[in-house]
Amino acid sequence: MKKMFLFLIMASAFSCAKKVSHENGNTTPKEPQKETVAGGDSDAHGCKASAGYTWSTLKKECIRIFEGTKLSHADDEKTYTTASYVIFDGNKAELFLDTQKESIILERKSEGDSWINGDWQLIPWKGYVLKKGGKVLYTGE
């Protein structure tokens, strides 16, 4: 009888230990962390900003705007840490300005004329001068 009683105590202790270990193991599994892949930052057009590419509406492809013509702010007394660029394709120019979210397409009628879009005007003079509403904003070579 003592053996039977001892057996039941041991069996119940063993089954309780198993139940506790199953309860501890039933925690919700953690969601796997997403790996960040270098160059995995493609925009809607497939351009990878981390590689220096931006979508050009004018060229209809991903370009590196820093390979275009750099424009500097016309106000020399201020210090700026950003840059603006313009690329050319035939009689069209595309502006990538630090103050605008979207690029701006300008067009000229013939060689030697200014590129114009509304009140934006890019003048080929001693390099380039960009005006908006008659005010000089940027200059570049």
C-alpha atoms as a PDB file:
ATOM      1  CA  MET A   1       0.000   0.000   0.000  1.00  0.00           C
ATOM      2  CA  LYS A   2       2.833   2.343   0.843  1.00  0.00           C
ATOM      3  CA  LYS A   3       4.385   1.592  -2.546  1.00  0.00           C
ATOM      4  CA  MET A   4       1.136   2.355  -4.315  1.00  0.00           C
ATOM      5  CA  PHE A   5       0.706   5.614  -2.403  1.00  0.00           C
ATOM      6  CA  LEU A   6       4.328   6.603  -3.153  1.00  0.00           C
ATOM      7  CA  PHE A   7       3.803   5.756  -6.832  1.00  0.00           C
ATOM      8  CA  LEU A   8       0.696   7.992  -7.051  1.00  0.00           C
ATOM      9  CA  ILE A   9       2.505  10.912  -5.409  1.00  0.00           C
ATOM     10  CA  MET A  10       5.449  10.567  -7.823  1.00  0.00           C
ATOM     11  CA  ALA A  11       3.171  10.221 -10.856  1.00  0.00           C
ATOM     12  CA  SER A  12       1.127  13.307  -9.922  1.00  0.00           C
ATOM     13  CA  ALA A  13       4.305  15.344  -9.248  1.00  0.00           C
ATOM     14  CA  PHE A  14       5.710  14.320 -12.639  1.00  0.00           C
ATOM     15  CA  SER A  15       2.502  15.236 -14.510  1.00  0.00           C
ATOM     16  CA  CYS A  16       2.320  18.619 -12.724  1.00  0.00           C
ATOM     17  CA  ALA A  17       5.903  19.366 -13.698  1.00  0.00           C
ATOM     18  CA  LYS A  18       5.085  18.583 -17.339  1.00  0.00           C
ATOM     19  CA  LYS A  19       1.994  20.832 -17.216  1.00  0.00           C
ATOM     20  CA  VAL A  20       4.024  23.753 -15.816  1.00  0.00           C
ATOM     21  CA  SER A  21       6.711  23.340 -18.473  1.00  0.00           C
ATOM     22  CA  HIS A  22       4.031  23.303 -21.249  1.00  0.00           C
ATOM     23  CA  GLU A  23       2.428  26.465 -19.849  1.00  0.00           C
ATOM     24  CA  ASN A  24       5.771  28.259 -19.876  1.00  0.00           C
ATOM     25  CA  GLY A  25       6.379  27.100 -23.437  1.00  0.00           C
ATOM     26  CA  ASN A  26       3.004  28.436 -24.662  1.00  0.00           C
ATOM     27  CA  THR A  27       4.166  32.036 -24.871  1.00  0.00           C
ATOM     28  CA  THR A  28       3.339  33.823 -28.070  1.00  0.00           C
ATOM     29  CA  PRO A  29       6.274  33.505 -30.444  1.00  0.00           C
ATOM     30  CA  LYS A  30       8.014  36.783 -31.184  1.00  0.00           C
ATOM     31  CA  GLU A  31       7.567  38.150 -34.677  1.00  0.00           C
ATOM     32  CA  PRO A  32      10.830  37.791 -36.573  1.00  0.00           C
ATOM     33  CA  GLN A  33      12.653  41.068 -37.057  1.00  0.00           C
ATOM     34  CA  LYS A  34      12.807  42.314 -40.596  1.00  0.00           C
ATOM     35  CA  GLU A  35      16.327  42.619 -41.884  1.00  0.00           C
ATOM     36  CA  THR A  36      17.314  45.961 -43.308  1.00  0.00           C
ATOM     37  CA  VAL A  37      18.925  45.442 -46.657  1.00  0.00           C
ATOM     38  CA  ALA A  38      21.330  48.071 -47.960  1.00  0.00           C
ATOM     39  CA  GLY A  39      19.863  49.483 -51.148  1.00  0.00           C
ATOM     40  CA  GLY A  40      16.409  48.203 -50.195  1.00  0.00           C
ATOM     41  CA  ASP A  41      14.923  51.690 -50.254  1.00  0.00           C
ATOM     42  CA  SER A  42      13.487  51.756 -53.763  1.00  0.00           C
ATOM     43  CA  ASP A  43      10.871  54.422 -54.446  1.00  0.00           C
ATOM     44  CA  ALA A  44       7.734  53.984 -56.556  1.00  0.00           C
ATOM     45  CA  HIS A  45       9.842  54.103 -59.734  1.00  0.00           C
ATOM     46  CA  GLY A  46      12.478  51.664 -58.467  1.00  0.00           C
ATOM     47  CA  CYS A  47      15.100  54.368 -57.798  1.00  0.00           C
ATOM     48  CA  LYS A  48      17.385  53.656 -54.846  1.00  0.00           C
ATOM     49  CA  ALA A  49      17.983  56.824 -52.844  1.00  0.00           C
ATOM     50  CA  SER A  50      20.742  55.160 -50.796  1.00  0.00           C
ATOM     51  CA  ALA A  51      22.684  54.732 -54.040  1.00  0.00           C
ATOM     52  CA  GLY A  52      22.078  58.386 -54.953  1.00  0.00           C
ATOM     53  CA  TYR A  53      19.308  57.842 -57.505  1.00  0.00           C
ATOM     54  CA  THR A  54      16.233  60.024 -58.007  1.00  0.00           C
ATOM     55  CA  TRP A  55      13.429  59.680 -60.554  1.00  0.00           C
ATOM     56  CA  SER A  56      13.666  62.133 -63.455  1.00  0.00           C
ATOM     57  CA  THR A  57      10.330  63.002 -65.029  1.00  0.00           C
ATOM     58  CA  LEU A  58      12.204  64.509 -67.968  1.00  0.00           C
ATOM     59  CA  LYS A  59      14.453  61.537 -68.755  1.00  0.00           C
ATOM     60  CA  LYS A  60      11.945  58.899 -67.561  1.00  0.00           C
ATOM     61  CA  GLU A  61      14.657  57.045 -65.653  1.00  0.00           C
ATOM     62  CA  CYS A  62      16.531  56.974 -62.381  1.00  0.00           C
ATOM     63  CA  ILE A  63      19.375  59.488 -62.380  1.00  0.00           C
ATOM     64  CA  ARG A  64      21.993  60.802 -59.990  1.00  0.00           C
ATOM     65  CA  ILE A  65      21.131  64.495 -59.836  1.00  0.00           C
ATOM     66  CA  PHE A  66      24.534  65.434 -58.410  1.00  0.00           C
ATOM     67  CA  GLU A  67      25.963  64.619 -61.854  1.00  0.00           C
ATOM     68  CA  GLY A  68      23.905  67.510 -63.242  1.00  0.00           C
ATOM     69  CA  THR A  69      24.653  71.221 -62.948  1.00  0.00           C
ATOM     70  CA  LYS A  70      24.835  72.414 -59.353  1.00  0.00           C
ATOM     71  CA  LEU A  71      22.947  75.565 -58.420  1.00  0.00           C
ATOM     72  CA  SER A  72      23.802  77.614 -55.335  1.00  0.00           C
ATOM     73  CA  HIS A  73      21.588  79.984 -53.394  1.00  0.00           C
ATOM     74  CA  ALA A  74      22.018  83.526 -54.662  1.00  0.00           C
ATOM     75  CA  ASP A  75      22.099  85.056 -51.151  1.00  0.00           C
ATOM     76  CA  ASP A  76      25.804  84.714 -50.275  1.00  0.00           C
ATOM     77  CA  GLU A  77      25.338  85.888 -46.698  1.00  0.00           C
ATOM     78  CA  LYS A  78      23.477  82.738 -45.666  1.00  0.00           C
ATOM     79  CA  THR A  79      25.000  79.327 -45.052  1.00  0.00           C
ATOM     80  CA  TYR A  80      23.193  76.376 -46.616  1.00  0.00           C
ATOM     81  CA  THR A  81      23.924  72.680 -46.269  1.00  0.00           C
ATOM     82  CA  THR A  82      21.749  71.554 -49.174  1.00  0.00           C
ATOM     83  CA  ALA A  83      22.255  71.718 -52.907  1.00  0.00           C
ATOM     84  CA  SER A  84      19.999  72.109 -55.917  1.00  0.00           C
ATOM     85  CA  TYR A  85      20.585  70.745 -59.407  1.00  0.00           C
ATOM     86  CA  VAL A  86      19.373  71.053 -62.975  1.00  0.00           C
ATOM     87  CA  ILE A  87      19.629  68.506 -65.784  1.00  0.00           C
ATOM     88  CA  PHE A  88      19.126  69.225 -69.464  1.00  0.00           C
ATOM     89  CA  ASP A  89      17.573  67.219 -72.273  1.00  0.00           C
ATOM     90  CA  GLY A  90      17.213  69.020 -75.595  1.00  0.00           C
ATOM     91  CA  ASN A  91      15.162  72.169 -75.080  1.00  0.00           C
ATOM     92  CA  LYS A  92      13.967  71.072 -71.636  1.00  0.00           C
ATOM     93  CA  ALA A  93      15.493  71.450 -68.192  1.00  0.00           C
ATOM     94  CA  GLU A  94      14.470  69.710 -64.981  1.00  0.00           C
ATOM     95  CA  LEU A  95      15.056  71.473 -61.665  1.00  0.00           C
ATOM     96  CA  PHE A  96      15.675  69.550 -58.441  1.00  0.00           C
ATOM     97  CA  LEU A  97      15.486  72.244 -55.778  1.00  0.00           C
ATOM     98  CA  ASP A  98      16.080  71.847 -52.070  1.00  0.00           C
ATOM     99  CA  THR A  99      12.947  73.922 -51.451  1.00  0.00           C
ATOM    100  CA  GLN A 100      10.590  71.806 -53.625  1.00  0.00           C
ATOM    101  CA  LYS A 101       9.302  68.260 -53.103  1.00  0.00           C
ATOM    102  CA  GLU A 102       8.762  67.599 -56.803  1.00  0.00           C
ATOM    103  CA  SER A 103      11.049  68.474 -59.688  1.00  0.00           C
ATOM    104  CA  ILE A 104      10.086  71.317 -62.031  1.00  0.00           C
ATOM    105  CA  ILE A 105      10.258  71.009 -65.835  1.00  0.00           C
ATOM    106  CA  LEU A 106      11.187  74.141 -67.788  1.00  0.00           C
ATOM    107  CA  GLU A 107      11.162  74.523 -71.580  1.00  0.00           C
ATOM    108  CA  ARG A 108      12.787  76.914 -74.035  1.00  0.00           C
ATOM    109  CA  LYS A 109      11.723  77.780 -77.574  1.00  0.00           C
ATOM    110  CA  SER A 110      15.194  77.768 -79.154  1.00  0.00           C
ATOM    111  CA  GLU A 111      18.940  77.692 -78.504  1.00  0.00           C
ATOM    112  CA  GLY A 112      20.084  80.680 -76.432  1.00  0.00           C
ATOM    113  CA  ASP A 113      16.629  81.376 -74.965  1.00  0.00           C
ATOM    114  CA  SER A 114      15.725  80.991 -71.305  1.00  0.00           C
ATOM    115  CA  TRP A 115      13.951  77.885 -70.012  1.00  0.00           C
ATOM    116  CA  ILE A 116      10.539  78.894 -68.630  1.00  0.00           C
ATOM    117  CA  ASN A 117       7.659  77.370 -66.653  1.00  0.00           C
ATOM    118  CA  GLY A 118       5.151  79.850 -65.207  1.00  0.00           C
ATOM    119  CA  ASP A 119       7.092  82.300 -63.060  1.00  0.00           C
ATOM    120  CA  TRP A 120      10.233  80.085 -63.036  1.00  0.00           C
ATOM    121  CA  GLN A 121      12.965  81.185 -65.455  1.00  0.00           C
ATOM    122  CA  LEU A 122      16.407  79.624 -65.968  1.00  0.00           C
ATOM    123  CA  ILE A 123      18.667  82.058 -67.813  1.00  0.00           C
ATOM    124  CA  PRO A 124      21.923  80.949 -69.493  1.00  0.00           C
ATOM    125  CA  TRP A 125      24.127  83.877 -68.386  1.00  0.00           C
ATOM    126  CA  LYS A 126      27.643  83.482 -66.910  1.00  0.00           C
ATOM    127  CA  GLY A 127      26.617  79.927 -66.176  1.00  0.00           C
ATOM    128  CA  TYR A 128      22.986  79.878 -65.093  1.00  0.00           C
ATOM    129  CA  VAL A 129      20.669  82.154 -63.149  1.00  0.00           C
ATOM    130  CA  LEU A 130      17.378  80.832 -61.792  1.00  0.00           C
ATOM    131  CA  LYS A 131      14.653  83.350 -61.105  1.00  0.00           C
ATOM    132  CA  LYS A 132      11.172  83.003 -59.705  1.00  0.00           C
ATOM    133  CA  GLY A 133       8.832  85.939 -60.168  1.00  0.00           C
ATOM    134  CA  GLY A 134      11.767  88.126 -61.233  1.00  0.00           C
ATOM    135  CA  LYS A 135      13.785  87.408 -58.047  1.00  0.00           C
ATOM    136  CA  VAL A 136      17.162  85.680 -58.431  1.00  0.00           C
ATOM    137  CA  LEU A 137      17.131  82.544 -56.261  1.00  0.00           C
ATOM    138  CA  TYR A 138      20.023  80.432 -57.529  1.00  0.00           C
ATOM    139  CA  THR A 139      23.138  80.754 -59.667  1.00  0.00           C
ATOM    140  CA  GLY A 140      25.397  78.031 -61.050  1.00  0.00           C
ATOM    141  CA  GLU A 141      27.935  77.090 -63.676  1.00  0.00           C
END
